[in-house]
Amino acid sequence: MASAPVRALSAIEAVVFDWDGTLVDSKRVLVASFQETTREVLGSPFPTAHEDVERIVQVRGQEAFAEIAAGDDDVYERIEAVFHRVYVEQMEAIEPFPTT
């Protein structure tokens, strides 16, 4: 019985990994970024309660900013600007999950 011909495989051009929350502990960085941002913009950190943390990490940034700003467009813009700066700074401290 003849075997099927082997085809040459083309070079792999890209590999995609699910980085966020899979390879690295991004939740810690995300929460720290929100807390530092709200401390700077509003004077106190948010989120601090477990249920708030879980809700904030499940929504897109724009939704979280809107919730925190409570309808104030100026506060929304300040939160958005500060968050992006803080998140970039926090990303320097991101760590991979430990290997098993």
PDB file of N, CA and C in Angstrom:
ATOM      1  N   MET A   1       0.832  -1.158   0.000  1.00  0.00           N
ATOM      2  CA  MET A   1       0.000   0.000   0.000  1.00  0.00           C
ATOM      3  C   MET A   1       0.888   1.236   0.000  1.00  0.00           C
ATOM      4  N   ALA A   2       0.626   2.139  -0.915  1.00  0.00           N
ATOM      5  CA  ALA A   2       1.442   3.342  -1.051  1.00  0.00           C
ATOM      6  C   ALA A   2       0.999   4.383  -0.027  1.00  0.00           C
ATOM      7  N   SER A   3       1.961   5.096   0.523  1.00  0.00           N
ATOM      8  CA  SER A   3       1.616   6.161   1.469  1.00  0.00           C
ATOM      9  C   SER A   3       1.380   7.458   0.714  1.00  0.00           C
ATOM     10  N   ALA A   4       0.642   8.349   1.334  1.00  0.00           N
ATOM     11  CA  ALA A   4       0.341   9.645   0.717  1.00  0.00           C
ATOM     12  C   ALA A   4       1.620  10.457   0.619  1.00  0.00           C
ATOM     13  N   PRO A   5       1.765  11.243  -0.412  1.00  0.00           N
ATOM     14  CA  PRO A   5       2.961  12.073  -0.550  1.00  0.00           C
ATOM     15  C   PRO A   5       3.036  13.109   0.565  1.00  0.00           C
ATOM     16  N   VAL A   6       4.224  13.394   0.985  1.00  0.00           N
ATOM     17  CA  VAL A   6       4.444  14.389   2.037  1.00  0.00           C
ATOM     18  C   VAL A   6       4.582  15.747   1.377  1.00  0.00           C
ATOM     19  N   ARG A   7       3.789  16.687   1.822  1.00  0.00           N
ATOM     20  CA  ARG A   7       3.860  18.044   1.294  1.00  0.00           C
ATOM     21  C   ARG A   7       4.829  18.863   2.125  1.00  0.00           C
ATOM     22  N   ALA A   8       5.526  19.733   1.475  1.00  0.00           N
ATOM     23  CA  ALA A   8       6.421  20.652   2.188  1.00  0.00           C
ATOM     24  C   ALA A   8       5.563  21.670   2.937  1.00  0.00           C
ATOM     25  N   LEU A   9       5.879  21.884   4.166  1.00  0.00           N
ATOM     26  CA  LEU A   9       5.148  22.866   4.955  1.00  0.00           C
ATOM     27  C   LEU A   9       5.770  24.234   4.747  1.00  0.00           C
ATOM     28  N   SER A  10       4.936  25.230   4.618  1.00  0.00           N
ATOM     29  CA  SER A  10       5.469  26.584   4.487  1.00  0.00           C
ATOM     30  C   SER A  10       5.970  27.047   5.857  1.00  0.00           C
ATOM     31  N   ALA A  11       6.843  28.008   5.832  1.00  0.00           N
ATOM     32  CA  ALA A  11       7.398  28.543   7.076  1.00  0.00           C
ATOM     33  C   ALA A  11       6.284  29.169   7.910  1.00  0.00           C
ATOM     34  N   ILE A  12       6.376  28.989   9.192  1.00  0.00           N
ATOM     35  CA  ILE A  12       5.407  29.605  10.096  1.00  0.00           C
ATOM     36  C   ILE A  12       5.705  31.091  10.148  1.00  0.00           C
ATOM     37  N   GLU A  13       4.701  31.894   9.894  1.00  0.00           N
ATOM     38  CA  GLU A  13       4.894  33.338   9.878  1.00  0.00           C
ATOM     39  C   GLU A  13       4.521  34.007  11.196  1.00  0.00           C
ATOM     40  N   ALA A  14       3.654  33.378  11.977  1.00  0.00           N
ATOM     41  CA  ALA A  14       3.244  33.991  13.231  1.00  0.00           C
ATOM     42  C   ALA A  14       2.673  32.934  14.159  1.00  0.00           C
ATOM     43  N   VAL A  15       2.812  33.193  15.440  1.00  0.00           N
ATOM     44  CA  VAL A  15       2.212  32.364  16.469  1.00  0.00           C
ATOM     45  C   VAL A  15       1.497  33.313  17.419  1.00  0.00           C
ATOM     46  N   VAL A  16       0.271  32.997  17.791  1.00  0.00           N
ATOM     47  CA  VAL A  16      -0.508  33.852  18.668  1.00  0.00           C
ATOM     48  C   VAL A  16      -0.694  33.142  20.002  1.00  0.00           C
ATOM     49  N   PHE A  17      -0.401  33.858  21.070  1.00  0.00           N
ATOM     50  CA  PHE A  17      -0.601  33.338  22.414  1.00  0.00           C
ATOM     51  C   PHE A  17      -1.648  34.188  23.113  1.00  0.00           C
ATOM     52  N   ASP A  18      -2.442  33.571  23.961  1.00  0.00           N
ATOM     53  CA  ASP A  18      -3.370  34.301  24.801  1.00  0.00           C
ATOM     54  C   ASP A  18      -2.565  34.771  26.007  1.00  0.00           C
ATOM     55  N   TRP A  19      -2.080  35.960  25.937  1.00  0.00           N
ATOM     56  CA  TRP A  19      -1.161  36.537  26.918  1.00  0.00           C
ATOM     57  C   TRP A  19      -1.894  36.924  28.197  1.00  0.00           C
ATOM     58  N   ASP A  20      -2.972  37.665  28.041  1.00  0.00           N
ATOM     59  CA  ASP A  20      -3.662  38.329  29.133  1.00  0.00           C
ATOM     60  C   ASP A  20      -4.405  37.338  30.028  1.00  0.00           C
ATOM     61  N   GLY A  21      -3.863  37.103  31.210  1.00  0.00           N
ATOM     62  CA  GLY A  21      -4.514  36.205  32.159  1.00  0.00           C
ATOM     63  C   GLY A  21      -4.232  34.736  31.931  1.00  0.00           C
ATOM     64  N   THR A  22      -3.485  34.424  30.879  1.00  0.00           N
ATOM     65  CA  THR A  22      -3.147  33.033  30.581  1.00  0.00           C
ATOM     66  C   THR A  22      -1.665  32.777  30.823  1.00  0.00           C
ATOM     67  N   LEU A  23      -0.829  33.583  30.210  1.00  0.00           N
ATOM     68  CA  LEU A  23       0.618  33.446  30.383  1.00  0.00           C
ATOM     69  C   LEU A  23       1.157  34.364  31.472  1.00  0.00           C
ATOM     70  N   VAL A  24       0.500  35.494  31.661  1.00  0.00           N
ATOM     71  CA  VAL A  24       0.947  36.463  32.661  1.00  0.00           C
ATOM     72  C   VAL A  24      -0.197  36.826  33.590  1.00  0.00           C
ATOM     73  N   ASP A  25       0.170  37.284  34.784  1.00  0.00           N
ATOM     74  CA  ASP A  25      -0.811  37.691  35.783  1.00  0.00           C
ATOM     75  C   ASP A  25      -1.234  39.136  35.518  1.00  0.00           C
ATOM     76  N   SER A  26      -2.056  39.325  34.513  1.00  0.00           N
ATOM     77  CA  SER A  26      -2.471  40.668  34.119  1.00  0.00           C
ATOM     78  C   SER A  26      -3.533  41.245  35.056  1.00  0.00           C
ATOM     79  N   LYS A  27      -4.247  40.417  35.766  1.00  0.00           N
ATOM     80  CA  LYS A  27      -5.289  40.905  36.672  1.00  0.00           C
ATOM     81  C   LYS A  27      -4.686  41.793  37.752  1.00  0.00           C
ATOM     82  N   ARG A  28      -3.580  41.371  38.319  1.00  0.00           N
ATOM     83  CA  ARG A  28      -2.917  42.151  39.364  1.00  0.00           C
ATOM     84  C   ARG A  28      -2.521  43.526  38.836  1.00  0.00           C
ATOM     85  N   VAL A  29      -1.962  43.558  37.625  1.00  0.00           N
ATOM     86  CA  VAL A  29      -1.532  44.816  37.012  1.00  0.00           C
ATOM     87  C   VAL A  29      -2.739  45.692  36.689  1.00  0.00           C
ATOM     88  N   LEU A  30      -3.804  45.095  36.184  1.00  0.00           N
ATOM     89  CA  LEU A  30      -5.000  45.845  35.829  1.00  0.00           C
ATOM     90  C   LEU A  30      -5.631  46.488  37.065  1.00  0.00           C
ATOM     91  N   VAL A  31      -5.773  45.718  38.127  1.00  0.00           N
ATOM     92  CA  VAL A  31      -6.369  46.241  39.360  1.00  0.00           C
ATOM     93  C   VAL A  31      -5.480  47.332  39.951  1.00  0.00           C
ATOM     94  N   ALA A  32      -4.182  47.109  39.997  1.00  0.00           N
ATOM     95  CA  ALA A  32      -3.258  48.123  40.519  1.00  0.00           C
ATOM     96  C   ALA A  32      -3.335  49.405  39.684  1.00  0.00           C
ATOM     97  N   SER A  33      -3.504  49.264  38.377  1.00  0.00           N
ATOM     98  CA  SER A  33      -3.616  50.434  37.507  1.00  0.00           C
ATOM     99  C   SER A  33      -4.885  51.223  37.801  1.00  0.00           C
ATOM    100  N   PHE A  34      -6.004  50.528  37.977  1.00  0.00           N
ATOM    101  CA  PHE A  34      -7.242  51.217  38.329  1.00  0.00           C
ATOM    102  C   PHE A  34      -7.115  51.887  39.690  1.00  0.00           C
ATOM    103  N   GLN A  35      -6.516  51.198  40.644  1.00  0.00           N
ATOM    104  CA  GLN A  35      -6.400  51.768  41.988  1.00  0.00           C
ATOM    105  C   GLN A  35      -5.498  52.999  42.002  1.00  0.00           C
ATOM    106  N   GLU A  36      -4.375  52.946  41.310  1.00  0.00           N
ATOM    107  CA  GLU A  36      -3.485  54.111  41.268  1.00  0.00           C
ATOM    108  C   GLU A  36      -4.142  55.266  40.521  1.00  0.00           C
ATOM    109  N   THR A  37      -4.836  54.950  39.433  1.00  0.00           N
ATOM    110  CA  THR A  37      -5.527  55.987  38.653  1.00  0.00           C
ATOM    111  C   THR A  37      -6.587  56.681  39.490  1.00  0.00           C
ATOM    112  N   THR A  38      -7.428  55.920  40.147  1.00  0.00           N
ATOM    113  CA  THR A  38      -8.509  56.529  40.924  1.00  0.00           C
ATOM    114  C   THR A  38      -7.973  57.250  42.156  1.00  0.00           C
ATOM    115  N   ARG A  39      -6.882  56.779  42.699  1.00  0.00           N
ATOM    116  CA  ARG A  39      -6.245  57.481  43.819  1.00  0.00           C
ATOM    117  C   ARG A  39      -5.785  58.868  43.335  1.00  0.00           C
ATOM    118  N   GLU A  40      -5.176  58.899  42.142  1.00  0.00           N
ATOM    119  CA  GLU A  40      -4.679  60.164  41.603  1.00  0.00           C
ATOM    120  C   GLU A  40      -5.811  61.097  41.174  1.00  0.00           C
ATOM    121  N   VAL A  41      -6.823  60.561  40.514  1.00  0.00           N
ATOM    122  CA  VAL A  41      -7.893  61.401  39.959  1.00  0.00           C
ATOM    123  C   VAL A  41      -8.965  61.717  40.992  1.00  0.00           C
ATOM    124  N   LEU A  42      -9.359  60.733  41.788  1.00  0.00           N
ATOM    125  CA  LEU A  42     -10.489  60.904  42.701  1.00  0.00           C
ATOM    126  C   LEU A  42     -10.104  61.023  44.173  1.00  0.00           C
ATOM    127  N   GLY A  43      -8.864  60.710  44.497  1.00  0.00           N
ATOM    128  CA  GLY A  43      -8.416  60.830  45.878  1.00  0.00           C
ATOM    129  C   GLY A  43      -8.518  59.559  46.700  1.00  0.00           C
ATOM    130  N   SER A  44      -9.103  58.505  46.145  1.00  0.00           N
ATOM    131  CA  SER A  44      -9.164  57.225  46.851  1.00  0.00           C
ATOM    132  C   SER A  44      -9.160  56.093  45.827  1.00  0.00           C
ATOM    133  N   PRO A  45      -8.604  54.944  46.216  1.00  0.00           N
ATOM    134  CA  PRO A  45      -8.482  53.842  45.262  1.00  0.00           C
ATOM    135  C   PRO A  45      -9.796  53.114  45.015  1.00  0.00           C
ATOM    136  N   PHE A  46      -9.965  52.667  43.790  1.00  0.00           N
ATOM    137  CA  PHE A  46     -11.097  51.826  43.391  1.00  0.00           C
ATOM    138  C   PHE A  46     -10.586  50.919  42.287  1.00  0.00           C
ATOM    139  N   PRO A  47     -10.937  49.665  42.298  1.00  0.00           N
ATOM    140  CA  PRO A  47     -11.786  48.926  43.219  1.00  0.00           C
ATOM    141  C   PRO A  47     -10.981  48.388  44.408  1.00  0.00           C
ATOM    142  N   THR A  48     -11.670  48.223  45.516  1.00  0.00           N
ATOM    143  CA  THR A  48     -11.034  47.599  46.682  1.00  0.00           C
ATOM    144  C   THR A  48     -11.813  46.374  47.159  1.00  0.00           C
ATOM    145  N   ALA A  49     -13.127  46.402  47.025  1.00  0.00           N
ATOM    146  CA  ALA A  49     -13.951  45.250  47.424  1.00  0.00           C
ATOM    147  C   ALA A  49     -13.849  44.152  46.362  1.00  0.00           C
ATOM    148  N   HIS A  50     -13.857  42.916  46.805  1.00  0.00           N
ATOM    149  CA  HIS A  50     -13.716  41.767  45.911  1.00  0.00           C
ATOM    150  C   HIS A  50     -14.718  41.807  44.752  1.00  0.00           C
ATOM    151  N   GLU A  51     -15.978  42.086  45.059  1.00  0.00           N
ATOM    152  CA  GLU A  51     -16.994  42.089  43.998  1.00  0.00           C
ATOM    153  C   GLU A  51     -16.742  43.203  42.976  1.00  0.00           C
ATOM    154  N   ASP A  52     -16.209  44.344  43.419  1.00  0.00           N
ATOM    155  CA  ASP A  52     -15.877  45.421  42.478  1.00  0.00           C
ATOM    156  C   ASP A  52     -14.690  45.032  41.602  1.00  0.00           C
ATOM    157  N   VAL A  53     -13.698  44.393  42.200  1.00  0.00           N
ATOM    158  CA  VAL A  53     -12.537  43.924  41.440  1.00  0.00           C
ATOM    159  C   VAL A  53     -12.994  42.957  40.352  1.00  0.00           C
ATOM    160  N   GLU A  54     -13.802  41.987  40.724  1.00  0.00           N
ATOM    161  CA  GLU A  54     -14.254  40.984  39.761  1.00  0.00           C
ATOM    162  C   GLU A  54     -15.076  41.599  38.628  1.00  0.00           C
ATOM    163  N   ARG A  55     -15.888  42.591  38.944  1.00  0.00           N
ATOM    164  CA  ARG A  55     -16.693  43.238  37.918  1.00  0.00           C
ATOM    165  C   ARG A  55     -15.817  44.084  36.984  1.00  0.00           C
ATOM    166  N   ILE A  56     -14.909  44.855  37.532  1.00  0.00           N
ATOM    167  CA  ILE A  56     -14.079  45.768  36.732  1.00  0.00           C
ATOM    168  C   ILE A  56     -13.169  45.005  35.779  1.00  0.00           C
ATOM    169  N   VAL A  57     -12.616  43.876  36.201  1.00  0.00           N
ATOM    170  CA  VAL A  57     -11.701  43.142  35.317  1.00  0.00           C
ATOM    171  C   VAL A  57     -12.441  42.397  34.205  1.00  0.00           C
ATOM    172  N   GLN A  58     -13.757  42.326  34.279  1.00  0.00           N
ATOM    173  CA  GLN A  58     -14.544  41.624  33.262  1.00  0.00           C
ATOM    174  C   GLN A  58     -15.055  42.539  32.148  1.00  0.00           C
ATOM    175  N   VAL A  59     -14.959  43.855  32.332  1.00  0.00           N
ATOM    176  CA  VAL A  59     -15.506  44.784  31.332  1.00  0.00           C
ATOM    177  C   VAL A  59     -14.382  45.503  30.593  1.00  0.00           C
ATOM    178  N   ARG A  60     -14.724  46.071  29.454  1.00  0.00           N
ATOM    179  CA  ARG A  60     -13.751  46.856  28.696  1.00  0.00           C
ATOM    180  C   ARG A  60     -13.403  48.124  29.471  1.00  0.00           C
ATOM    181  N   GLY A  61     -12.231  48.652  29.195  1.00  0.00           N
ATOM    182  CA  GLY A  61     -11.781  49.855  29.881  1.00  0.00           C
ATOM    183  C   GLY A  61     -12.769  51.000  29.800  1.00  0.00           C
ATOM    184  N   GLN A  62     -13.315  51.248  28.607  1.00  0.00           N
ATOM    185  CA  GLN A  62     -14.255  52.354  28.435  1.00  0.00           C
ATOM    186  C   GLN A  62     -15.479  52.203  29.341  1.00  0.00           C
ATOM    187  N   GLU A  63     -15.942  50.984  29.508  1.00  0.00           N
ATOM    188  CA  GLU A  63     -17.089  50.745  30.388  1.00  0.00           C
ATOM    189  C   GLU A  63     -16.713  51.002  31.847  1.00  0.00           C
ATOM    190  N   ALA A  64     -15.525  50.555  32.230  1.00  0.00           N
ATOM    191  CA  ALA A  64     -15.066  50.780  33.600  1.00  0.00           C
ATOM    192  C   ALA A  64     -14.853  52.265  33.861  1.00  0.00           C
ATOM    193  N   PHE A  65     -14.240  52.976  32.899  1.00  0.00           N
ATOM    194  CA  PHE A  65     -14.020  54.412  33.065  1.00  0.00           C
ATOM    195  C   PHE A  65     -15.353  55.136  33.244  1.00  0.00           C
ATOM    196  N   ALA A  66     -16.337  54.767  32.434  1.00  0.00           N
ATOM    197  CA  ALA A  66     -17.652  55.410  32.513  1.00  0.00           C
ATOM    198  C   ALA A  66     -18.311  55.154  33.868  1.00  0.00           C
ATOM    199  N   GLU A  67     -18.200  53.919  34.351  1.00  0.00           N
ATOM    200  CA  GLU A  67     -18.783  53.598  35.660  1.00  0.00           C
ATOM    201  C   GLU A  67     -18.128  54.419  36.758  1.00  0.00           C
ATOM    202  N   ILE A  68     -16.817  54.478  36.732  1.00  0.00           N
ATOM    203  CA  ILE A  68     -16.086  55.200  37.768  1.00  0.00           C
ATOM    204  C   ILE A  68     -16.362  56.699  37.685  1.00  0.00           C
ATOM    205  N   ALA A  69     -16.465  57.247  36.475  1.00  0.00           N
ATOM    206  CA  ALA A  69     -16.691  58.682  36.284  1.00  0.00           C
ATOM    207  C   ALA A  69     -18.124  59.099  36.605  1.00  0.00           C
ATOM    208  N   ALA A  70     -19.038  58.136  36.650  1.00  0.00           N
ATOM    209  CA  ALA A  70     -20.442  58.389  37.012  1.00  0.00           C
ATOM    210  C   ALA A  70     -21.071  59.516  36.201  1.00  0.00           C
ATOM    211  N   GLY A  71     -20.833  59.496  34.877  1.00  0.00           N
ATOM    212  CA  GLY A  71     -21.480  60.468  34.004  1.00  0.00           C
ATOM    213  C   GLY A  71     -20.753  61.789  33.834  1.00  0.00           C
ATOM    214  N   ASP A  72     -19.656  61.992  34.508  1.00  0.00           N
ATOM    215  CA  ASP A  72     -18.892  63.246  34.395  1.00  0.00           C
ATOM    216  C   ASP A  72     -17.846  63.081  33.290  1.00  0.00           C
ATOM    217  N   ASP A  73     -18.060  63.768  32.167  1.00  0.00           N
ATOM    218  CA  ASP A  73     -17.165  63.627  31.013  1.00  0.00           C
ATOM    219  C   ASP A  73     -15.733  64.063  31.314  1.00  0.00           C
ATOM    220  N   ASP A  74     -15.568  65.124  32.105  1.00  0.00           N
ATOM    221  CA  ASP A  74     -14.216  65.588  32.448  1.00  0.00           C
ATOM    222  C   ASP A  74     -13.479  64.538  33.276  1.00  0.00           C
ATOM    223  N   VAL A  75     -14.175  63.954  34.238  1.00  0.00           N
ATOM    224  CA  VAL A  75     -13.573  62.912  35.066  1.00  0.00           C
ATOM    225  C   VAL A  75     -13.243  61.698  34.199  1.00  0.00           C
ATOM    226  N   TYR A  76     -14.130  61.332  33.293  1.00  0.00           N
ATOM    227  CA  TYR A  76     -13.884  60.211  32.378  1.00  0.00           C
ATOM    228  C   TYR A  76     -12.580  60.437  31.606  1.00  0.00           C
ATOM    229  N   GLU A  77     -12.431  61.620  31.041  1.00  0.00           N
ATOM    230  CA  GLU A  77     -11.225  61.920  30.253  1.00  0.00           C
ATOM    231  C   GLU A  77      -9.967  61.864  31.111  1.00  0.00           C
ATOM    232  N   ARG A  78     -10.034  62.383  32.333  1.00  0.00           N
ATOM    233  CA  ARG A  78      -8.867  62.330  33.228  1.00  0.00           C
ATOM    234  C   ARG A  78      -8.540  60.891  33.601  1.00  0.00           C
ATOM    235  N   ILE A  79      -9.570  60.104  33.911  1.00  0.00           N
ATOM    236  CA  ILE A  79      -9.351  58.693  34.246  1.00  0.00           C
ATOM    237  C   ILE A  79      -8.707  57.971  33.072  1.00  0.00           C
ATOM    238  N   GLU A  80      -9.236  58.181  31.888  1.00  0.00           N
ATOM    239  CA  GLU A  80      -8.711  57.524  30.698  1.00  0.00           C
ATOM    240  C   GLU A  80      -7.241  57.884  30.468  1.00  0.00           C
ATOM    241  N   ALA A  81      -6.909  59.159  30.552  1.00  0.00           N
ATOM    242  CA  ALA A  81      -5.530  59.607  30.314  1.00  0.00           C
ATOM    243  C   ALA A  81      -4.572  59.058  31.370  1.00  0.00           C
ATOM    244  N   VAL A  82      -4.948  59.174  32.622  1.00  0.00           N
ATOM    245  CA  VAL A  82      -4.088  58.703  33.709  1.00  0.00           C
ATOM    246  C   VAL A  82      -3.953  57.188  33.654  1.00  0.00           C
ATOM    247  N   PHE A  83      -5.057  56.487  33.405  1.00  0.00           N
ATOM    248  CA  PHE A  83      -5.016  55.026  33.358  1.00  0.00           C
ATOM    249  C   PHE A  83      -4.013  54.542  32.314  1.00  0.00           C
ATOM    250  N   HIS A  84      -4.049  55.119  31.130  1.00  0.00           N
ATOM    251  CA  HIS A  84      -3.144  54.659  30.069  1.00  0.00           C
ATOM    252  C   HIS A  84      -1.678  54.867  30.461  1.00  0.00           C
ATOM    253  N   ARG A  85      -1.374  55.970  31.100  1.00  0.00           N
ATOM    254  CA  ARG A  85       0.004  56.211  31.573  1.00  0.00           C
ATOM    255  C   ARG A  85       0.380  55.200  32.660  1.00  0.00           C
ATOM    256  N   VAL A  86      -0.501  55.036  33.634  1.00  0.00           N
ATOM    257  CA  VAL A  86      -0.231  54.139  34.759  1.00  0.00           C
ATOM    258  C   VAL A  86      -0.121  52.689  34.292  1.00  0.00           C
ATOM    259  N   TYR A  87      -0.987  52.275  33.387  1.00  0.00           N
ATOM    260  CA  TYR A  87      -0.975  50.892  32.909  1.00  0.00           C
ATOM    261  C   TYR A  87       0.345  50.563  32.224  1.00  0.00           C
ATOM    262  N   VAL A  88       0.855  51.488  31.423  1.00  0.00           N
ATOM    263  CA  VAL A  88       2.155  51.278  30.767  1.00  0.00           C
ATOM    264  C   VAL A  88       3.245  51.127  31.829  1.00  0.00           C
ATOM    265  N   GLU A  89       3.200  51.963  32.858  1.00  0.00           N
ATOM    266  CA  GLU A  89       4.179  51.857  33.951  1.00  0.00           C
ATOM    267  C   GLU A  89       4.041  50.524  34.681  1.00  0.00           C
ATOM    268  N   GLN A  90       2.812  50.120  34.963  1.00  0.00           N
ATOM    269  CA  GLN A  90       2.566  48.870  35.682  1.00  0.00           C
ATOM    270  C   GLN A  90       2.992  47.645  34.872  1.00  0.00           C
ATOM    271  N   MET A  91       2.892  47.728  33.561  1.00  0.00           N
ATOM    272  CA  MET A  91       3.250  46.595  32.702  1.00  0.00           C
ATOM    273  C   MET A  91       4.719  46.205  32.865  1.00  0.00           C
ATOM    274  N   GLU A  92       5.547  47.138  33.298  1.00  0.00           N
ATOM    275  CA  GLU A  92       6.955  46.823  33.527  1.00  0.00           C
ATOM    276  C   GLU A  92       7.133  45.802  34.651  1.00  0.00           C
ATOM    277  N   ALA A  93       6.147  45.710  35.529  1.00  0.00           N
ATOM    278  CA  ALA A  93       6.234  44.790  36.669  1.00  0.00           C
ATOM    279  C   ALA A  93       5.437  43.511  36.460  1.00  0.00           C
ATOM    280  N   ILE A  94       4.881  43.316  35.267  1.00  0.00           N
ATOM    281  CA  ILE A  94       4.050  42.136  35.033  1.00  0.00           C
ATOM    282  C   ILE A  94       4.895  40.870  35.113  1.00  0.00           C
ATOM    283  N   GLU A  95       4.324  39.836  35.676  1.00  0.00           N
ATOM    284  CA  GLU A  95       5.058  38.587  35.861  1.00  0.00           C
ATOM    285  C   GLU A  95       4.285  37.422  35.243  1.00  0.00           C
ATOM    286  N   PRO A  96       5.012  36.477  34.711  1.00  0.00           N
ATOM    287  CA  PRO A  96       4.335  35.279  34.190  1.00  0.00           C
ATOM    288  C   PRO A  96       3.817  34.440  35.349  1.00  0.00           C
ATOM    289  N   PHE A  97       2.799  33.655  35.061  1.00  0.00           N
ATOM    290  CA  PHE A  97       2.345  32.711  36.070  1.00  0.00           C
ATOM    291  C   PHE A  97       3.460  31.703  36.308  1.00  0.00           C
ATOM    292  N   PRO A  98       3.582  31.208  37.534  1.00  0.00           N
ATOM    293  CA  PRO A  98       4.639  30.225  37.804  1.00  0.00           C
ATOM    294  C   PRO A  98       4.419  28.946  36.990  1.00  0.00           C
ATOM    295  N   THR A  99       5.500  28.321  36.635  1.00  0.00           N
ATOM    296  CA  THR A  99       5.381  27.056  35.910  1.00  0.00           C
ATOM    297  C   THR A  99       5.067  25.961  36.906  1.00  0.00           C
ATOM    298  N   THR A 100       4.445  24.920  36.410  1.00  0.00           N
ATOM    299  CA  THR A 100       4.091  23.810  37.312  1.00  0.00           C
ATOM    300  C   THR A 100       4.972  22.633  37.075  1.00  0.00           C
TER     301      THR A 100
END
